[in-house]
Amino acid sequence: MTPKRERYHATSATESCCSTGHRLSDAELAADVRLLAAAGSETRYEALRLIADADGEVCACELEPALAVSQGAVSQALSRLRAAGLVTRRKDGRWRYYGVTPEAERLLSALDEIRESTHE
């Protein structure tokens, strides 16, 4: 180990070189990573934004032309967003309608705030 690296090396598993505040539990960390990974592709993020910006629910059939991707890609994106708890799904016959969850609303709101603060 180089001398520079030794400065930052913690001497034990519980001792840290600096105070980082609250440490996430393994469950919290896994949930955050799952949520961010679900929103982490352009197709999934754009689908989430389209659903959030709609007045109420959006039919899956409306997303395919808006996203300019295949029906299969839309289906996979929606499945991943739903598994992460970012969208809800309601079935009505052969149609599927999607809405955003409160978690998705908070995530998108936080991203909007970050974007606005970086453009000031």
PDB file of N, CA and C in Angstrom:
ATOM      1  N   MET A   1       0.840  -1.170   0.000  1.00  0.00           N
ATOM      2  CA  MET A   1       0.000   0.000   0.000  1.00  0.00           C
ATOM      3  C   MET A   1       0.889   1.238   0.000  1.00  0.00           C
ATOM      4  N   THR A   2       0.561   2.177  -0.846  1.00  0.00           N
ATOM      5  CA  THR A   2       1.346   3.402  -0.914  1.00  0.00           C
ATOM      6  C   THR A   2       1.022   4.283   0.285  1.00  0.00           C
ATOM      7  N   PRO A   3       1.946   5.163   0.680  1.00  0.00           N
ATOM      8  CA  PRO A   3       1.685   6.039   1.824  1.00  0.00           C
ATOM      9  C   PRO A   3       0.400   6.845   1.665  1.00  0.00           C
ATOM     10  N   LYS A   4       0.123   7.313   0.444  1.00  0.00           N
ATOM     11  CA  LYS A   4      -1.091   8.095   0.232  1.00  0.00           C
ATOM     12  C   LYS A   4      -2.336   7.270   0.537  1.00  0.00           C
ATOM     13  N   ARG A   5      -2.352   6.023   0.116  1.00  0.00           N
ATOM     14  CA  ARG A   5      -3.497   5.152   0.376  1.00  0.00           C
ATOM     15  C   ARG A   5      -3.627   4.820   1.854  1.00  0.00           C
ATOM     16  N   GLU A   6      -2.516   4.713   2.559  1.00  0.00           N
ATOM     17  CA  GLU A   6      -2.577   4.382   3.979  1.00  0.00           C
ATOM     18  C   GLU A   6      -3.360   5.427   4.757  1.00  0.00           C
ATOM     19  N   ARG A   7      -3.300   6.678   4.334  1.00  0.00           N
ATOM     20  CA  ARG A   7      -4.043   7.726   5.025  1.00  0.00           C
ATOM     21  C   ARG A   7      -5.535   7.447   5.043  1.00  0.00           C
ATOM     22  N   TYR A   8      -6.052   6.853   3.996  1.00  0.00           N
ATOM     23  CA  TYR A   8      -7.484   6.650   3.856  1.00  0.00           C
ATOM     24  C   TYR A   8      -7.924   5.257   4.270  1.00  0.00           C
ATOM     25  N   HIS A   9      -7.018   4.422   4.652  1.00  0.00           N
ATOM     26  CA  HIS A   9      -7.332   3.054   5.033  1.00  0.00           C
ATOM     27  C   HIS A   9      -7.838   3.022   6.475  1.00  0.00           C
ATOM     28  N   ALA A  10      -9.033   2.499   6.676  1.00  0.00           N
ATOM     29  CA  ALA A  10      -9.577   2.370   8.031  1.00  0.00           C
ATOM     30  C   ALA A  10      -8.802   1.285   8.760  1.00  0.00           C
ATOM     31  N   THR A  11      -8.571   1.486  10.053  1.00  0.00           N
ATOM     32  CA  THR A  11      -7.784   0.529  10.814  1.00  0.00           C
ATOM     33  C   THR A  11      -8.595  -0.667  11.272  1.00  0.00           C
ATOM     34  N   SER A  12      -9.914  -0.574  11.261  1.00  0.00           N
ATOM     35  CA  SER A  12     -10.751  -1.723  11.594  1.00  0.00           C
ATOM     36  C   SER A  12     -12.052  -1.609  10.826  1.00  0.00           C
ATOM     37  N   ALA A  13     -12.843  -2.664  10.869  1.00  0.00           N
ATOM     38  CA  ALA A  13     -14.101  -2.676  10.133  1.00  0.00           C
ATOM     39  C   ALA A  13     -15.073  -1.628  10.661  1.00  0.00           C
ATOM     40  N   THR A  14     -14.971  -1.282  11.931  1.00  0.00           N
ATOM     41  CA  THR A  14     -15.911  -0.319  12.509  1.00  0.00           C
ATOM     42  C   THR A  14     -15.361   1.089  12.552  1.00  0.00           C
ATOM     43  N   GLU A  15     -14.057   1.249  12.364  1.00  0.00           N
ATOM     44  CA  GLU A  15     -13.454   2.579  12.416  1.00  0.00           C
ATOM     45  C   GLU A  15     -13.343   3.143  11.014  1.00  0.00           C
ATOM     46  N   SER A  16     -13.617   4.392  10.874  1.00  0.00           N
ATOM     47  CA  SER A  16     -13.583   5.043   9.576  1.00  0.00           C
ATOM     48  C   SER A  16     -12.633   6.227   9.635  1.00  0.00           C
ATOM     49  N   CYS A  17     -12.133   6.636   8.484  1.00  0.00           N
ATOM     50  CA  CYS A  17     -11.239   7.784   8.432  1.00  0.00           C
ATOM     51  C   CYS A  17     -12.009   9.093   8.577  1.00  0.00           C
ATOM     52  N   CYS A  18     -13.299   9.055   8.369  1.00  0.00           N
ATOM     53  CA  CYS A  18     -14.113  10.256   8.505  1.00  0.00           C
ATOM     54  C   CYS A  18     -15.521   9.860   8.929  1.00  0.00           C
ATOM     55  N   SER A  19     -16.239  10.805   9.441  1.00  0.00           N
ATOM     56  CA  SER A  19     -17.606  10.546   9.852  1.00  0.00           C
ATOM     57  C   SER A  19     -18.515  10.717   8.649  1.00  0.00           C
ATOM     58  N   THR A  20     -19.248   9.662   8.296  1.00  0.00           N
ATOM     59  CA  THR A  20     -20.113   9.719   7.130  1.00  0.00           C
ATOM     60  C   THR A  20     -21.577   9.829   7.499  1.00  0.00           C
ATOM     61  N   GLY A  21     -21.896   9.908   8.761  1.00  0.00           N
ATOM     62  CA  GLY A  21     -23.295  10.012   9.157  1.00  0.00           C
ATOM     63  C   GLY A  21     -23.977   8.665   9.147  1.00  0.00           C
ATOM     64  N   HIS A  22     -25.247   8.663   8.789  1.00  0.00           N
ATOM     65  CA  HIS A  22     -26.070   7.456   8.789  1.00  0.00           C
ATOM     66  C   HIS A  22     -25.590   6.460   7.746  1.00  0.00           C
ATOM     67  N   ARG A  23     -25.381   5.226   8.167  1.00  0.00           N
ATOM     68  CA  ARG A  23     -25.017   4.153   7.243  1.00  0.00           C
ATOM     69  C   ARG A  23     -26.277   3.374   6.929  1.00  0.00           C
ATOM     70  N   LEU A  24     -26.522   3.144   5.661  1.00  0.00           N
ATOM     71  CA  LEU A  24     -27.703   2.401   5.240  1.00  0.00           C
ATOM     72  C   LEU A  24     -27.589   0.937   5.640  1.00  0.00           C
ATOM     73  N   SER A  25     -28.713   0.362   6.004  1.00  0.00           N
ATOM     74  CA  SER A  25     -28.741  -1.074   6.264  1.00  0.00           C
ATOM     75  C   SER A  25     -28.605  -1.802   4.930  1.00  0.00           C
ATOM     76  N   ASP A  26     -28.308  -3.077   4.973  1.00  0.00           N
ATOM     77  CA  ASP A  26     -28.199  -3.859   3.743  1.00  0.00           C
ATOM     78  C   ASP A  26     -29.514  -3.828   2.965  1.00  0.00           C
ATOM     79  N   ALA A  27     -30.640  -3.889   3.673  1.00  0.00           N
ATOM     80  CA  ALA A  27     -31.948  -3.867   3.018  1.00  0.00           C
ATOM     81  C   ALA A  27     -32.213  -2.513   2.357  1.00  0.00           C
ATOM     82  N   GLU A  28     -31.862  -1.419   3.049  1.00  0.00           N
ATOM     83  CA  GLU A  28     -32.046  -0.079   2.472  1.00  0.00           C
ATOM     84  C   GLU A  28     -31.170   0.105   1.239  1.00  0.00           C
ATOM     85  N   LEU A  29     -29.942  -0.345   1.332  1.00  0.00           N
ATOM     86  CA  LEU A  29     -29.015  -0.234   0.210  1.00  0.00           C
ATOM     87  C   LEU A  29     -29.529  -1.024  -0.986  1.00  0.00           C
ATOM     88  N   ALA A  30     -29.974  -2.247  -0.755  1.00  0.00           N
ATOM     89  CA  ALA A  30     -30.496  -3.088  -1.839  1.00  0.00           C
ATOM     90  C   ALA A  30     -31.735  -2.463  -2.474  1.00  0.00           C
ATOM     91  N   ALA A  31     -32.613  -1.907  -1.657  1.00  0.00           N
ATOM     92  CA  ALA A  31     -33.828  -1.266  -2.183  1.00  0.00           C
ATOM     93  C   ALA A  31     -33.482  -0.057  -3.029  1.00  0.00           C
ATOM     94  N   ASP A  32     -32.539   0.764  -2.567  1.00  0.00           N
ATOM     95  CA  ASP A  32     -32.133   1.945  -3.329  1.00  0.00           C
ATOM     96  C   ASP A  32     -31.505   1.551  -4.663  1.00  0.00           C
ATOM     97  N   VAL A  33     -30.640   0.553  -4.638  1.00  0.00           N
ATOM     98  CA  VAL A  33     -29.970   0.111  -5.862  1.00  0.00           C
ATOM     99  C   VAL A  33     -30.999  -0.463  -6.838  1.00  0.00           C
ATOM    100  N   ARG A  34     -31.969  -1.236  -6.342  1.00  0.00           N
ATOM    101  CA  ARG A  34     -33.009  -1.810  -7.194  1.00  0.00           C
ATOM    102  C   ARG A  34     -33.833  -0.693  -7.855  1.00  0.00           C
ATOM    103  N   LEU A  35     -34.187   0.321  -7.072  1.00  0.00           N
ATOM    104  CA  LEU A  35     -34.975   1.438  -7.582  1.00  0.00           C
ATOM    105  C   LEU A  35     -34.188   2.222  -8.635  1.00  0.00           C
ATOM    106  N   LEU A  36     -32.945   2.556  -8.338  1.00  0.00           N
ATOM    107  CA  LEU A  36     -32.132   3.327  -9.282  1.00  0.00           C
ATOM    108  C   LEU A  36     -31.812   2.523 -10.543  1.00  0.00           C
ATOM    109  N   ALA A  37     -31.568   1.234 -10.389  1.00  0.00           N
ATOM    110  CA  ALA A  37     -31.292   0.390 -11.555  1.00  0.00           C
ATOM    111  C   ALA A  37     -32.521   0.290 -12.449  1.00  0.00           C
ATOM    112  N   ALA A  38     -33.706   0.224 -11.843  1.00  0.00           N
ATOM    113  CA  ALA A  38     -34.935   0.130 -12.627  1.00  0.00           C
ATOM    114  C   ALA A  38     -35.143   1.378 -13.467  1.00  0.00           C
ATOM    115  N   ALA A  39     -34.797   2.519 -12.945  1.00  0.00           N
ATOM    116  CA  ALA A  39     -34.954   3.773 -13.686  1.00  0.00           C
ATOM    117  C   ALA A  39     -33.718   4.099 -14.513  1.00  0.00           C
ATOM    118  N   GLY A  40     -32.745   3.206 -14.529  1.00  0.00           N
ATOM    119  CA  GLY A  40     -31.432   3.497 -15.086  1.00  0.00           C
ATOM    120  C   GLY A  40     -31.232   3.254 -16.563  1.00  0.00           C
ATOM    121  N   SER A  41     -32.286   3.081 -17.332  1.00  0.00           N
ATOM    122  CA  SER A  41     -32.113   3.019 -18.781  1.00  0.00           C
ATOM    123  C   SER A  41     -32.976   4.113 -19.393  1.00  0.00           C
ATOM    124  N   GLU A  42     -32.601   4.569 -20.568  1.00  0.00           N
ATOM    125  CA  GLU A  42     -33.357   5.645 -21.206  1.00  0.00           C
ATOM    126  C   GLU A  42     -34.815   5.243 -21.437  1.00  0.00           C
ATOM    127  N   THR A  43     -35.038   4.014 -21.895  1.00  0.00           N
ATOM    128  CA  THR A  43     -36.402   3.572 -22.172  1.00  0.00           C
ATOM    129  C   THR A  43     -37.233   3.531 -20.902  1.00  0.00           C
ATOM    130  N   ARG A  44     -36.688   2.942 -19.845  1.00  0.00           N
ATOM    131  CA  ARG A  44     -37.450   2.841 -18.600  1.00  0.00           C
ATOM    132  C   ARG A  44     -37.680   4.223 -17.989  1.00  0.00           C
ATOM    133  N   TYR A  45     -36.665   5.063 -18.002  1.00  0.00           N
ATOM    134  CA  TYR A  45     -36.814   6.402 -17.421  1.00  0.00           C
ATOM    135  C   TYR A  45     -37.824   7.221 -18.214  1.00  0.00           C
ATOM    136  N   GLU A  46     -37.740   7.162 -19.531  1.00  0.00           N
ATOM    137  CA  GLU A  46     -38.684   7.925 -20.346  1.00  0.00           C
ATOM    138  C   GLU A  46     -40.107   7.395 -20.160  1.00  0.00           C
ATOM    139  N   ALA A  47     -40.263   6.074 -20.057  1.00  0.00           N
ATOM    140  CA  ALA A  47     -41.590   5.499 -19.803  1.00  0.00           C
ATOM    141  C   ALA A  47     -42.122   5.987 -18.462  1.00  0.00           C
ATOM    142  N   LEU A  48     -41.280   6.016 -17.458  1.00  0.00           N
ATOM    143  CA  LEU A  48     -41.687   6.492 -16.137  1.00  0.00           C
ATOM    144  C   LEU A  48     -42.120   7.952 -16.195  1.00  0.00           C
ATOM    145  N   ARG A  49     -41.358   8.772 -16.910  1.00  0.00           N
ATOM    146  CA  ARG A  49     -41.711  10.189 -17.054  1.00  0.00           C
ATOM    147  C   ARG A  49     -43.033  10.361 -17.802  1.00  0.00           C
ATOM    148  N   LEU A  50     -43.233   9.595 -18.865  1.00  0.00           N
ATOM    149  CA  LEU A  50     -44.479   9.690 -19.627  1.00  0.00           C
ATOM    150  C   LEU A  50     -45.683   9.319 -18.766  1.00  0.00           C
ATOM    151  N   ILE A  51     -45.533   8.271 -17.980  1.00  0.00           N
ATOM    152  CA  ILE A  51     -46.620   7.846 -17.104  1.00  0.00           C
ATOM    153  C   ILE A  51     -46.877   8.907 -16.041  1.00  0.00           C
ATOM    154  N   ALA A  52     -45.804   9.446 -15.471  1.00  0.00           N
ATOM    155  CA  ALA A  52     -45.941  10.460 -14.420  1.00  0.00           C
ATOM    156  C   ALA A  52     -46.565  11.740 -14.963  1.00  0.00           C
ATOM    157  N   ASP A  53     -46.256  12.101 -16.199  1.00  0.00           N
ATOM    158  CA  ASP A  53     -46.763  13.333 -16.778  1.00  0.00           C
ATOM    159  C   ASP A  53     -48.191  13.212 -17.300  1.00  0.00           C
ATOM    160  N   ALA A  54     -48.693  11.986 -17.393  1.00  0.00           N
ATOM    161  CA  ALA A  54     -50.057  11.773 -17.886  1.00  0.00           C
ATOM    162  C   ALA A  54     -51.068  12.167 -16.814  1.00  0.00           C
ATOM    163  N   ASP A  55     -52.235  12.449 -17.263  1.00  0.00           N
ATOM    164  CA  ASP A  55     -53.329  12.760 -16.345  1.00  0.00           C
ATOM    165  C   ASP A  55     -53.994  11.439 -15.972  1.00  0.00           C
ATOM    166  N   GLY A  56     -53.499  10.808 -14.918  1.00  0.00           N
ATOM    167  CA  GLY A  56     -54.014   9.499 -14.520  1.00  0.00           C
ATOM    168  C   GLY A  56     -53.168   8.382 -15.089  1.00  0.00           C
ATOM    169  N   GLU A  57     -53.822   7.291 -15.445  1.00  0.00           N
ATOM    170  CA  GLU A  57     -53.114   6.112 -15.929  1.00  0.00           C
ATOM    171  C   GLU A  57     -52.849   6.195 -17.429  1.00  0.00           C
ATOM    172  N   VAL A  58     -51.877   5.383 -17.860  1.00  0.00           N
ATOM    173  CA  VAL A  58     -51.518   5.308 -19.271  1.00  0.00           C
ATOM    174  C   VAL A  58     -51.638   3.855 -19.700  1.00  0.00           C
ATOM    175  N   CYS A  59     -52.264   3.648 -20.841  1.00  0.00           N
ATOM    176  CA  CYS A  59     -52.342   2.307 -21.405  1.00  0.00           C
ATOM    177  C   CYS A  59     -50.969   1.955 -21.995  1.00  0.00           C
ATOM    178  N   ALA A  60     -50.560   0.719 -21.794  1.00  0.00           N
ATOM    179  CA  ALA A  60     -49.271   0.282 -22.328  1.00  0.00           C
ATOM    180  C   ALA A  60     -49.202   0.492 -23.837  1.00  0.00           C
ATOM    181  N   CYS A  61     -50.332   0.371 -24.518  1.00  0.00           N
ATOM    182  CA  CYS A  61     -50.345   0.536 -25.979  1.00  0.00           C
ATOM    183  C   CYS A  61     -49.983   1.955 -26.407  1.00  0.00           C
ATOM    184  N   GLU A  62     -50.151   2.921 -25.526  1.00  0.00           N
ATOM    185  CA  GLU A  62     -49.811   4.315 -25.845  1.00  0.00           C
ATOM    186  C   GLU A  62     -48.311   4.579 -25.742  1.00  0.00           C
ATOM    187  N   LEU A  63     -47.612   3.733 -25.000  1.00  0.00           N
ATOM    188  CA  LEU A  63     -46.189   3.973 -24.766  1.00  0.00           C
ATOM    189  C   LEU A  63     -45.302   3.558 -25.935  1.00  0.00           C
ATOM    190  N   GLU A  64     -45.695   2.520 -26.640  1.00  0.00           N
ATOM    191  CA  GLU A  64     -44.868   2.019 -27.743  1.00  0.00           C
ATOM    192  C   GLU A  64     -44.573   3.099 -28.782  1.00  0.00           C
ATOM    193  N   PRO A  65     -45.582   3.798 -29.323  1.00  0.00           N
ATOM    194  CA  PRO A  65     -45.248   4.839 -30.303  1.00  0.00           C
ATOM    195  C   PRO A  65     -44.543   6.045 -29.673  1.00  0.00           C
ATOM    196  N   ALA A  66     -44.867   6.351 -28.435  1.00  0.00           N
ATOM    197  CA  ALA A  66     -44.240   7.500 -27.771  1.00  0.00           C
ATOM    198  C   ALA A  66     -42.763   7.254 -27.499  1.00  0.00           C
ATOM    199  N   LEU A  67     -42.406   6.004 -27.214  1.00  0.00           N
ATOM    200  CA  LEU A  67     -41.019   5.661 -26.896  1.00  0.00           C
ATOM    201  C   LEU A  67     -40.226   5.242 -28.133  1.00  0.00           C
ATOM    202  N   ALA A  68     -40.923   4.953 -29.218  1.00  0.00           N
ATOM    203  CA  ALA A  68     -40.289   4.509 -30.464  1.00  0.00           C
ATOM    204  C   ALA A  68     -39.433   3.262 -30.255  1.00  0.00           C
ATOM    205  N   VAL A  69     -39.978   2.322 -29.487  1.00  0.00           N
ATOM    206  CA  VAL A  69     -39.340   1.024 -29.280  1.00  0.00           C
ATOM    207  C   VAL A  69     -40.396  -0.053 -29.497  1.00  0.00           C
ATOM    208  N   SER A  70     -39.972  -1.290 -29.543  1.00  0.00           N
ATOM    209  CA  SER A  70     -40.896  -2.398 -29.789  1.00  0.00           C
ATOM    210  C   SER A  70     -41.824  -2.632 -28.608  1.00  0.00           C
ATOM    211  N   GLN A  71     -42.898  -3.347 -28.865  1.00  0.00           N
ATOM    212  CA  GLN A  71     -43.843  -3.696 -27.808  1.00  0.00           C
ATOM    213  C   GLN A  71     -43.146  -4.521 -26.740  1.00  0.00           C
ATOM    214  N   GLY A  72     -42.243  -5.397 -27.152  1.00  0.00           N
ATOM    215  CA  GLY A  72     -41.501  -6.219 -26.203  1.00  0.00           C
ATOM    216  C   GLY A  72     -40.627  -5.381 -25.280  1.00  0.00           C
ATOM    217  N   ALA A  73     -39.988  -4.361 -25.843  1.00  0.00           N
ATOM    218  CA  ALA A  73     -39.150  -3.473 -25.035  1.00  0.00           C
ATOM    219  C   ALA A  73     -39.984  -2.692 -24.036  1.00  0.00           C
ATOM    220  N   VAL A  74     -41.166  -2.245 -24.466  1.00  0.00           N
ATOM    221  CA  VAL A  74     -42.070  -1.533 -23.559  1.00  0.00           C
ATOM    222  C   VAL A  74     -42.506  -2.465 -22.439  1.00  0.00           C
ATOM    223  N   SER A  75     -42.873  -3.689 -22.790  1.00  0.00           N
ATOM    224  CA  SER A  75     -43.316  -4.664 -21.800  1.00  0.00           C
ATOM    225  C   SER A  75     -42.228  -4.951 -20.772  1.00  0.00           C
ATOM    226  N   GLN A  76     -41.003  -5.143 -21.236  1.00  0.00           N
ATOM    227  CA  GLN A  76     -39.884  -5.392 -20.320  1.00  0.00           C
ATOM    228  C   GLN A  76     -39.627  -4.187 -19.418  1.00  0.00           C
ATOM    229  N   ALA A  77     -39.675  -3.000 -19.990  1.00  0.00           N
ATOM    230  CA  ALA A  77     -39.448  -1.780 -19.206  1.00  0.00           C
ATOM    231  C   ALA A  77     -40.506  -1.642 -18.113  1.00  0.00           C
ATOM    232  N   LEU A  78     -41.756  -1.852 -18.480  1.00  0.00           N
ATOM    233  CA  LEU A  78     -42.837  -1.728 -17.504  1.00  0.00           C
ATOM    234  C   LEU A  78     -42.749  -2.802 -16.429  1.00  0.00           C
ATOM    235  N   SER A  79     -42.363  -4.001 -16.805  1.00  0.00           N
ATOM    236  CA  SER A  79     -42.196  -5.072 -15.821  1.00  0.00           C
ATOM    237  C   SER A  79     -41.115  -4.722 -14.810  1.00  0.00           C
ATOM    238  N   ARG A  80     -40.021  -4.192 -15.294  1.00  0.00           N
ATOM    239  CA  ARG A  80     -38.919  -3.831 -14.398  1.00  0.00           C
ATOM    240  C   ARG A  80     -39.311  -2.667 -13.488  1.00  0.00           C
ATOM    241  N   LEU A  81     -40.005  -1.667 -14.030  1.00  0.00           N
ATOM    242  CA  LEU A  81     -40.463  -0.540 -13.210  1.00  0.00           C
ATOM    243  C   LEU A  81     -41.469  -1.010 -12.165  1.00  0.00           C
ATOM    244  N   ARG A  82     -42.323  -1.928 -12.544  1.00  0.00           N
ATOM    245  CA  ARG A  82     -43.316  -2.455 -11.603  1.00  0.00           C
ATOM    246  C   ARG A  82     -42.645  -3.276 -10.500  1.00  0.00           C
ATOM    247  N   ALA A  83     -41.685  -4.099 -10.867  1.00  0.00           N
ATOM    248  CA  ALA A  83     -40.973  -4.917  -9.877  1.00  0.00           C
ATOM    249  C   ALA A  83     -40.226  -4.047  -8.867  1.00  0.00           C
ATOM    250  N   ALA A  84     -39.782  -2.878  -9.293  1.00  0.00           N
ATOM    251  CA  ALA A  84     -39.061  -1.965  -8.405  1.00  0.00           C
ATOM    252  C   ALA A  84     -40.015  -1.106  -7.581  1.00  0.00           C
ATOM    253  N   GLY A  85     -41.312  -1.220  -7.828  1.00  0.00           N
ATOM    254  CA  GLY A  85     -42.281  -0.450  -7.066  1.00  0.00           C
ATOM    255  C   GLY A  85     -42.444   0.982  -7.545  1.00  0.00           C
ATOM    256  N   LEU A  86     -42.089   1.243  -8.807  1.00  0.00           N
ATOM    257  CA  LEU A  86     -42.201   2.600  -9.335  1.00  0.00           C
ATOM    258  C   LEU A  86     -43.499   2.842 -10.092  1.00  0.00           C
ATOM    259  N   VAL A  87     -44.114   1.776 -10.595  1.00  0.00           N
ATOM    260  CA  VAL A  87     -45.393   1.916 -11.279  1.00  0.00           C
ATOM    261  C   VAL A  87     -46.383   0.874 -10.769  1.00  0.00           C
ATOM    262  N   THR A  88     -47.655   1.224 -10.894  1.00  0.00           N
ATOM    263  CA  THR A  88     -48.738   0.293 -10.596  1.00  0.00           C
ATOM    264  C   THR A  88     -49.299  -0.203 -11.917  1.00  0.00           C
ATOM    265  N   ARG A  89     -49.980  -1.353 -11.868  1.00  0.00           N
ATOM    266  CA  ARG A  89     -50.606  -1.890 -13.078  1.00  0.00           C
ATOM    267  C   ARG A  89     -52.034  -2.304 -12.763  1.00  0.00           C
ATOM    268  N   ARG A  90     -52.923  -1.924 -13.642  1.00  0.00           N
ATOM    269  CA  ARG A  90     -54.320  -2.331 -13.522  1.00  0.00           C
ATOM    270  C   ARG A  90     -54.723  -2.993 -14.823  1.00  0.00           C
ATOM    271  N   LYS A  91     -55.307  -4.184 -14.712  1.00  0.00           N
ATOM    272  CA  LYS A  91     -55.762  -4.909 -15.895  1.00  0.00           C
ATOM    273  C   LYS A  91     -57.241  -4.622 -16.121  1.00  0.00           C
ATOM    274  N   ASP A  92     -57.580  -4.400 -17.387  1.00  0.00           N
ATOM    275  CA  ASP A  92     -58.968  -4.219 -17.780  1.00  0.00           C
ATOM    276  C   ASP A  92     -59.154  -4.994 -19.078  1.00  0.00           C
ATOM    277  N   GLY A  93     -59.621  -6.217 -18.962  1.00  0.00           N
ATOM    278  CA  GLY A  93     -59.694  -7.098 -20.131  1.00  0.00           C
ATOM    279  C   GLY A  93     -58.301  -7.399 -20.632  1.00  0.00           C
ATOM    280  N   ARG A  94     -58.069  -7.123 -21.897  1.00  0.00           N
ATOM    281  CA  ARG A  94     -56.722  -7.385 -22.440  1.00  0.00           C
ATOM    282  C   ARG A  94     -55.818  -6.157 -22.357  1.00  0.00           C
ATOM    283  N   TRP A  95     -56.297  -5.067 -21.804  1.00  0.00           N
ATOM    284  CA  TRP A  95     -55.526  -3.841 -21.699  1.00  0.00           C
ATOM    285  C   TRP A  95     -54.869  -3.734 -20.333  1.00  0.00           C
ATOM    286  N   ARG A  96     -53.705  -3.104 -20.300  1.00  0.00           N
ATOM    287  CA  ARG A  96     -52.967  -2.874 -19.053  1.00  0.00           C
ATOM    288  C   ARG A  96     -52.736  -1.373 -18.913  1.00  0.00           C
ATOM    289  N   TYR A  97     -53.110  -0.856 -17.749  1.00  0.00           N
ATOM    290  CA  TYR A  97     -52.971   0.572 -17.470  1.00  0.00           C
ATOM    291  C   TYR A  97     -51.966   0.769 -16.351  1.00  0.00           C
ATOM    292  N   TYR A  98     -51.089   1.738 -16.533  1.00  0.00           N
ATOM    293  CA  TYR A  98     -50.004   1.978 -15.586  1.00  0.00           C
ATOM    294  C   TYR A  98     -50.108   3.373 -14.998  1.00  0.00           C
ATOM    295  N   GLY A  99     -49.776   3.457 -13.713  1.00  0.00           N
ATOM    296  CA  GLY A  99     -49.704   4.726 -13.006  1.00  0.00           C
ATOM    297  C   GLY A  99     -48.431   4.751 -12.174  1.00  0.00           C
ATOM    298  N   VAL A 100     -48.065   5.903 -11.681  1.00  0.00           N
ATOM    299  CA  VAL A 100     -46.854   6.003 -10.857  1.00  0.00           C
ATOM    300  C   VAL A 100     -47.206   5.814  -9.384  1.00  0.00           C
ATOM    301  N   THR A 101     -46.255   5.325  -8.642  1.00  0.00           N
ATOM    302  CA  THR A 101     -46.404   5.152  -7.199  1.00  0.00           C
ATOM    303  C   THR A 101     -45.906   6.409  -6.491  1.00  0.00           C
ATOM    304  N   PRO A 102     -46.234   6.552  -5.216  1.00  0.00           N
ATOM    305  CA  PRO A 102     -45.693   7.691  -4.460  1.00  0.00           C
ATOM    306  C   PRO A 102     -44.160   7.699  -4.445  1.00  0.00           C
ATOM    307  N   GLU A 103     -43.536   6.529  -4.434  1.00  0.00           N
ATOM    308  CA  GLU A 103     -42.071   6.454  -4.471  1.00  0.00           C
ATOM    309  C   GLU A 103     -41.537   7.056  -5.769  1.00  0.00           C
ATOM    310  N   ALA A 104     -42.188   6.739  -6.881  1.00  0.00           N
ATOM    311  CA  ALA A 104     -41.760   7.286  -8.169  1.00  0.00           C
ATOM    312  C   ALA A 104     -41.947   8.796  -8.198  1.00  0.00           C
ATOM    313  N   GLU A 105     -43.053   9.269  -7.649  1.00  0.00           N
ATOM    314  CA  GLU A 105     -43.290  10.712  -7.605  1.00  0.00           C
ATOM    315  C   GLU A 105     -42.204  11.422  -6.802  1.00  0.00           C
ATOM    316  N   ARG A 106     -41.809  10.829  -5.678  1.00  0.00           N
ATOM    317  CA  ARG A 106     -40.747  11.435  -4.857  1.00  0.00           C
ATOM    318  C   ARG A 106     -39.403  11.406  -5.585  1.00  0.00           C
ATOM    319  N   LEU A 107     -39.107  10.302  -6.245  1.00  0.00           N
ATOM    320  CA  LEU A 107     -37.853  10.181  -6.995  1.00  0.00           C
ATOM    321  C   LEU A 107     -37.800  11.217  -8.115  1.00  0.00           C
ATOM    322  N   LEU A 108     -38.852  11.320  -8.891  1.00  0.00           N
ATOM    323  CA  LEU A 108     -38.879  12.273 -10.003  1.00  0.00           C
ATOM    324  C   LEU A 108     -38.835  13.708  -9.499  1.00  0.00           C
ATOM    325  N   SER A 109     -39.500  13.974  -8.395  1.00  0.00           N
ATOM    326  CA  SER A 109     -39.467  15.308  -7.799  1.00  0.00           C
ATOM    327  C   SER A 109     -38.053  15.666  -7.352  1.00  0.00           C
ATOM    328  N   ALA A 110     -37.359  14.708  -6.730  1.00  0.00           N
ATOM    329  CA  ALA A 110     -35.977  14.948  -6.294  1.00  0.00           C
ATOM    330  C   ALA A 110     -35.078  15.205  -7.494  1.00  0.00           C
ATOM    331  N   LEU A 111     -35.262  14.444  -8.567  1.00  0.00           N
ATOM    332  CA  LEU A 111     -34.458  14.657  -9.775  1.00  0.00           C
ATOM    333  C   LEU A 111     -34.741  16.022 -10.390  1.00  0.00           C
ATOM    334  N   ASP A 112     -36.003  16.433 -10.376  1.00  0.00           N
ATOM    335  CA  ASP A 112     -36.350  17.769 -10.880  1.00  0.00           C
ATOM    336  C   ASP A 112     -35.659  18.855 -10.062  1.00  0.00           C
ATOM    337  N   GLU A 113     -35.667  18.695  -8.747  1.00  0.00           N
ATOM    338  CA  GLU A 113     -35.008  19.683  -7.877  1.00  0.00           C
ATOM    339  C   GLU A 113     -33.515  19.752  -8.140  1.00  0.00           C
ATOM    340  N   ILE A 114     -32.891  18.600  -8.319  1.00  0.00           N
ATOM    341  CA  ILE A 114     -31.458  18.565  -8.603  1.00  0.00           C
ATOM    342  C   ILE A 114     -31.176  19.261  -9.926  1.00  0.00           C
ATOM    343  N   ARG A 115     -31.966  18.952 -10.941  1.00  0.00           N
ATOM    344  CA  ARG A 115     -31.776  19.568 -12.258  1.00  0.00           C
ATOM    345  C   ARG A 115     -31.930  21.071 -12.173  1.00  0.00           C
ATOM    346  N   GLU A 116     -32.959  21.540 -11.453  1.00  0.00           N
ATOM    347  CA  GLU A 116     -33.187  22.978 -11.317  1.00  0.00           C
ATOM    348  C   GLU A 116     -32.047  23.662 -10.558  1.00  0.00           C
ATOM    349  N   SER A 117     -31.536  23.013  -9.529  1.00  0.00           N
ATOM    350  CA  SER A 117     -30.464  23.633  -8.735  1.00  0.00           C
ATOM    351  C   SER A 117     -29.147  23.690  -9.503  1.00  0.00           C
ATOM    352  N   THR A 118     -28.933  22.789 -10.442  1.00  0.00           N
ATOM    353  CA  THR A 118     -27.692  22.810 -11.212  1.00  0.00           C
ATOM    354  C   THR A 118     -27.756  23.783 -12.381  1.00  0.00           C
ATOM    355  N   HIS A 119     -28.964  24.258 -12.698  1.00  0.00           N
ATOM    356  CA  HIS A 119     -29.119  25.210 -13.808  1.00  0.00           C
ATOM    357  C   HIS A 119     -29.309  26.644 -13.318  1.00  0.00           C
ATOM    358  N   GLU A 120     -29.102  26.889 -12.053  1.00  0.00           N
ATOM    359  CA  GLU A 120     -29.262  28.258 -11.508  1.00  0.00           C
ATOM    360  C   GLU A 120     -28.037  29.079 -11.739  1.00  0.00           C
TER     361      GLU A 120
END
